[in-house]
Amino acid sequence: MTNRIIRRCILVPLMIMFAVMPVAGAEIEGVVFDDVVQIDQTRFDLQGTALLRYMVVFKGYVGAFYLPENMGYRQALQDVPRHLVLEYFHAIKAGQFAKATRVTIAENLTAEELKRLEPSIEKLADAYRDVSPGDRYALTYFPGQGTRLALNDKILTVIPGAAFSRAVFSIWIGSRPIDKTFRDQVLGIND
């Protein structure tokens, strides 16, 4: 065999292998999130990833936040598509999610806003399921359609309304989030 044939026998399979390998995304705490996700006809670009700790030492979950291409974090709570993925390190009961959601949303709303959004908040609370380590919840908002809650890519509910979406995403990326460091990292704020 000539050197050219030998090179082709080695290089062509390697080129094919690398061409079909998935593009690796951002990795945090051993969890990989895609740099780009396509949901329906919308392309979402990764803004950032973060780790949320409980009581400083316990790893709770990691998250990744996405916006459509060419959008920045300042637009994250406007009436634009957005996508948040959270992967859990521990088992958590549905009731714990519901309670934490109610409390944290209430911290970000006026009493009047909370009363108006209460039916939507309860619909979300009712949709939660228990999670095991490695499970992923995702929230995806599309203007005019609503906010989807999915567990491991299975849609559990869709809740209409831009105000509701802003309220629920504010848990992580609002002015009074569950954790400011987590918020800044998933939004990709470097200031």
Protein backbone atom coordinates (compact mmCIF):
# COMPACT_ATOMS: atom_id res chain seq x y z
CA MET A 1 0.00 0.00 0.00
CA THR A 2 1.16 3.47 -0.74
CA ASN A 3 1.37 6.15 1.91
CA ARG A 4 -1.54 8.00 0.30
CA ILE A 5 -3.82 4.96 0.59
CA ILE A 6 -2.75 4.38 4.18
CA ARG A 7 -3.45 8.02 5.07
CA ARG A 8 -6.88 7.82 3.47
CA CYS A 9 -7.66 4.62 5.35
CA ILE A 10 -6.81 6.36 8.61
CA LEU A 11 -7.94 9.95 7.97
CA VAL A 12 -11.28 9.35 6.25
CA PRO A 13 -12.77 7.31 9.15
CA LEU A 14 -11.45 9.90 11.62
CA MET A 15 -13.00 12.74 9.62
CA ILE A 16 -16.33 10.91 9.48
CA MET A 17 -16.21 10.17 13.20
CA PHE A 18 -15.58 13.82 14.09
CA ALA A 19 -18.21 15.04 11.64
CA VAL A 20 -20.96 13.05 13.36
CA MET A 21 -19.87 13.68 16.93
CA PRO A 22 -22.22 16.03 18.76
CA VAL A 23 -20.84 19.47 19.46
CA ALA A 24 -20.00 19.65 23.12
CA GLY A 25 -21.54 22.48 25.06
CA ALA A 26 -20.76 24.08 28.36
CA GLU A 27 -19.88 21.75 31.20
CA ILE A 28 -20.49 22.55 34.85
CA GLU A 29 -20.08 20.10 37.73
CA GLY A 30 -19.88 17.24 35.22
CA VAL A 31 -23.17 18.20 33.54
CA VAL A 32 -23.10 19.23 29.88
CA PHE A 33 -25.52 21.74 28.37
CA ASP A 34 -25.74 22.37 24.63
CA ASP A 35 -24.42 25.69 23.32
CA VAL A 36 -27.43 25.92 21.01
CA VAL A 37 -30.88 24.32 21.27
CA GLN A 38 -33.68 24.33 18.73
CA ILE A 39 -37.24 24.33 20.11
CA ASP A 40 -40.00 24.42 17.57
CA GLN A 41 -38.66 26.90 15.00
CA THR A 42 -36.67 28.98 17.49
CA ARG A 43 -32.91 28.75 17.89
CA PHE A 44 -31.74 29.46 21.44
CA ASP A 45 -28.14 30.35 22.31
CA LEU A 46 -26.64 29.57 25.69
CA GLN A 47 -26.20 32.68 27.81
CA GLY A 48 -24.56 31.01 30.79
CA THR A 49 -24.52 28.15 33.28
CA ALA A 50 -24.42 28.11 37.08
CA LEU A 51 -24.44 25.91 40.15
CA LEU A 52 -26.93 26.53 42.95
CA ARG A 53 -25.80 25.46 46.41
CA TYR A 54 -27.93 25.03 49.49
CA MET A 55 -26.47 26.07 52.84
CA VAL A 56 -23.23 26.96 51.04
CA VAL A 57 -21.86 23.39 50.79
CA PHE A 58 -24.59 21.21 49.24
CA LYS A 59 -24.93 21.13 45.47
CA GLY A 60 -28.61 21.51 44.62
CA TYR A 61 -28.67 21.77 40.86
CA VAL A 62 -27.00 23.25 37.84
CA GLY A 63 -28.77 25.41 35.31
CA ALA A 64 -28.41 26.80 31.82
CA PHE A 65 -30.25 29.79 30.41
CA TYR A 66 -30.92 30.43 26.72
CA LEU A 67 -32.19 33.32 24.63
CA PRO A 68 -32.71 33.63 20.87
CA GLU A 69 -29.54 34.50 18.97
CA ASN A 70 -28.45 38.14 19.07
CA MET A 71 -30.29 38.84 22.34
CA GLY A 72 -28.57 39.75 25.56
CA TYR A 73 -29.35 39.37 29.24
CA ARG A 74 -30.96 42.82 29.47
CA GLN A 75 -33.82 41.45 27.34
CA ALA A 76 -34.24 38.24 29.36
CA LEU A 77 -37.49 39.23 31.11
CA GLN A 78 -39.02 41.14 28.22
CA ASP A 79 -41.74 39.50 26.14
CA VAL A 80 -39.24 37.34 24.23
CA PRO A 81 -38.70 33.60 23.94
CA ARG A 82 -36.51 32.16 26.72
CA HIS A 83 -35.48 28.74 27.95
CA LEU A 84 -34.11 27.59 31.32
CA VAL A 85 -32.90 24.06 32.08
CA LEU A 86 -32.18 22.79 35.60
CA GLU A 87 -30.54 19.43 36.34
CA TYR A 88 -30.81 18.12 39.90
CA PHE A 89 -28.24 16.37 42.07
CA HIS A 90 -30.73 15.12 44.69
CA ALA A 91 -34.23 13.67 44.81
CA ILE A 92 -36.85 16.35 45.47
CA LYS A 93 -40.58 15.88 46.04
CA ALA A 94 -43.14 17.70 43.92
CA GLY A 95 -44.57 19.38 47.01
CA GLN A 96 -41.20 20.95 47.79
CA PHE A 97 -41.08 22.48 44.31
CA ALA A 98 -44.62 23.82 44.70
CA LYS A 99 -43.89 25.40 48.08
CA ALA A 100 -40.60 26.97 46.94
CA THR A 101 -42.26 28.32 43.78
CA ARG A 102 -45.08 29.98 45.71
CA VAL A 103 -42.69 31.58 48.22
CA THR A 104 -40.13 32.81 45.69
CA ILE A 105 -42.68 34.16 43.21
CA ALA A 106 -44.40 36.02 46.07
CA GLU A 107 -41.09 37.72 46.90
CA ASN A 108 -40.95 39.17 43.38
CA LEU A 109 -44.55 40.42 43.06
CA THR A 110 -46.84 42.96 44.64
CA ALA A 111 -49.86 41.61 46.53
CA GLU A 112 -52.11 42.61 43.62
CA GLU A 113 -49.91 40.88 41.02
CA LEU A 114 -49.73 37.78 43.19
CA LYS A 115 -53.51 37.62 43.53
CA ARG A 116 -53.98 38.03 39.78
CA LEU A 117 -51.43 35.28 38.98
CA GLU A 118 -52.51 32.87 41.72
CA PRO A 119 -54.48 30.50 39.39
CA SER A 120 -51.46 30.23 37.07
CA ILE A 121 -49.08 29.67 39.97
CA GLU A 122 -51.33 26.90 41.29
CA LYS A 123 -51.51 25.30 37.84
CA LEU A 124 -47.70 25.20 37.79
CA ALA A 125 -47.55 23.84 41.35
CA ASP A 126 -49.99 21.06 40.42
CA ALA A 127 -47.88 20.08 37.41
CA TYR A 128 -44.67 19.42 39.35
CA ARG A 129 -43.47 15.83 39.72
CA ASP A 130 -40.89 14.25 42.01
CA VAL A 131 -37.36 14.32 40.60
CA SER A 132 -34.43 11.96 40.99
CA PRO A 133 -30.75 12.82 40.60
CA GLY A 134 -30.03 13.56 36.93
CA ASP A 135 -33.58 14.64 36.09
CA ARG A 136 -34.05 17.90 34.20
CA TYR A 137 -36.84 20.42 34.49
CA ALA A 138 -37.10 22.95 31.66
CA LEU A 139 -39.13 26.14 31.41
CA THR A 140 -39.63 27.53 27.92
CA TYR A 141 -41.59 30.66 27.11
CA PHE A 142 -42.94 31.68 23.72
CA PRO A 143 -44.85 34.99 23.42
CA GLY A 144 -48.49 34.38 22.58
CA GLN A 145 -48.25 30.69 23.57
CA GLY A 146 -47.15 30.62 27.19
CA THR A 147 -44.66 28.94 29.48
CA ARG A 148 -44.02 25.23 29.11
CA LEU A 149 -42.88 23.14 32.03
CA ALA A 150 -41.18 19.92 30.92
CA LEU A 151 -39.57 17.12 32.90
CA ASN A 152 -36.94 15.19 30.94
CA ASP A 153 -38.33 16.61 27.69
CA LYS A 154 -41.93 15.60 28.46
CA ILE A 155 -44.22 18.65 28.55
CA LEU A 156 -46.26 18.65 31.78
CA THR A 157 -48.21 21.88 31.30
CA VAL A 158 -48.37 25.11 29.30
CA ILE A 159 -49.45 28.24 31.15
CA PRO A 160 -50.40 31.34 29.12
CA GLY A 161 -49.42 34.91 29.85
CA ALA A 162 -46.36 37.14 29.65
CA ALA A 163 -46.87 38.34 33.26
CA PHE A 164 -46.86 34.77 34.56
CA SER A 165 -43.74 33.94 32.56
CA ARG A 166 -41.92 36.98 33.93
CA ALA A 167 -42.95 36.00 37.46
CA VAL A 168 -41.80 32.39 37.23
CA PHE A 169 -38.51 33.18 35.47
CA SER A 170 -37.88 35.89 38.08
CA ILE A 171 -37.28 33.07 40.56
CA TRP A 172 -33.88 32.62 38.89
CA ILE A 173 -33.22 35.75 36.81
CA GLY A 174 -35.30 38.51 38.42
CA SER A 175 -34.31 41.41 40.64
CA ARG A 176 -34.82 39.26 43.77
CA PRO A 177 -33.75 35.80 42.59
CA ILE A 178 -33.26 32.67 44.62
CA ASP A 179 -29.50 33.37 44.38
CA LYS A 180 -27.83 36.45 42.82
CA THR A 181 -24.62 34.65 41.88
CA PHE A 182 -26.63 31.95 40.12
CA ARG A 183 -28.64 34.65 38.31
CA ASP A 184 -25.59 36.54 37.14
CA GLN A 185 -23.85 33.40 35.91
CA VAL A 186 -26.81 31.97 33.96
CA LEU A 187 -27.42 35.38 32.40
CA GLY A 188 -23.77 35.62 31.43
CA ILE A 189 -23.28 38.92 33.27
CA ASN A 190 -19.59 39.65 33.47
CA ASP A 191 -19.69 43.19 34.91
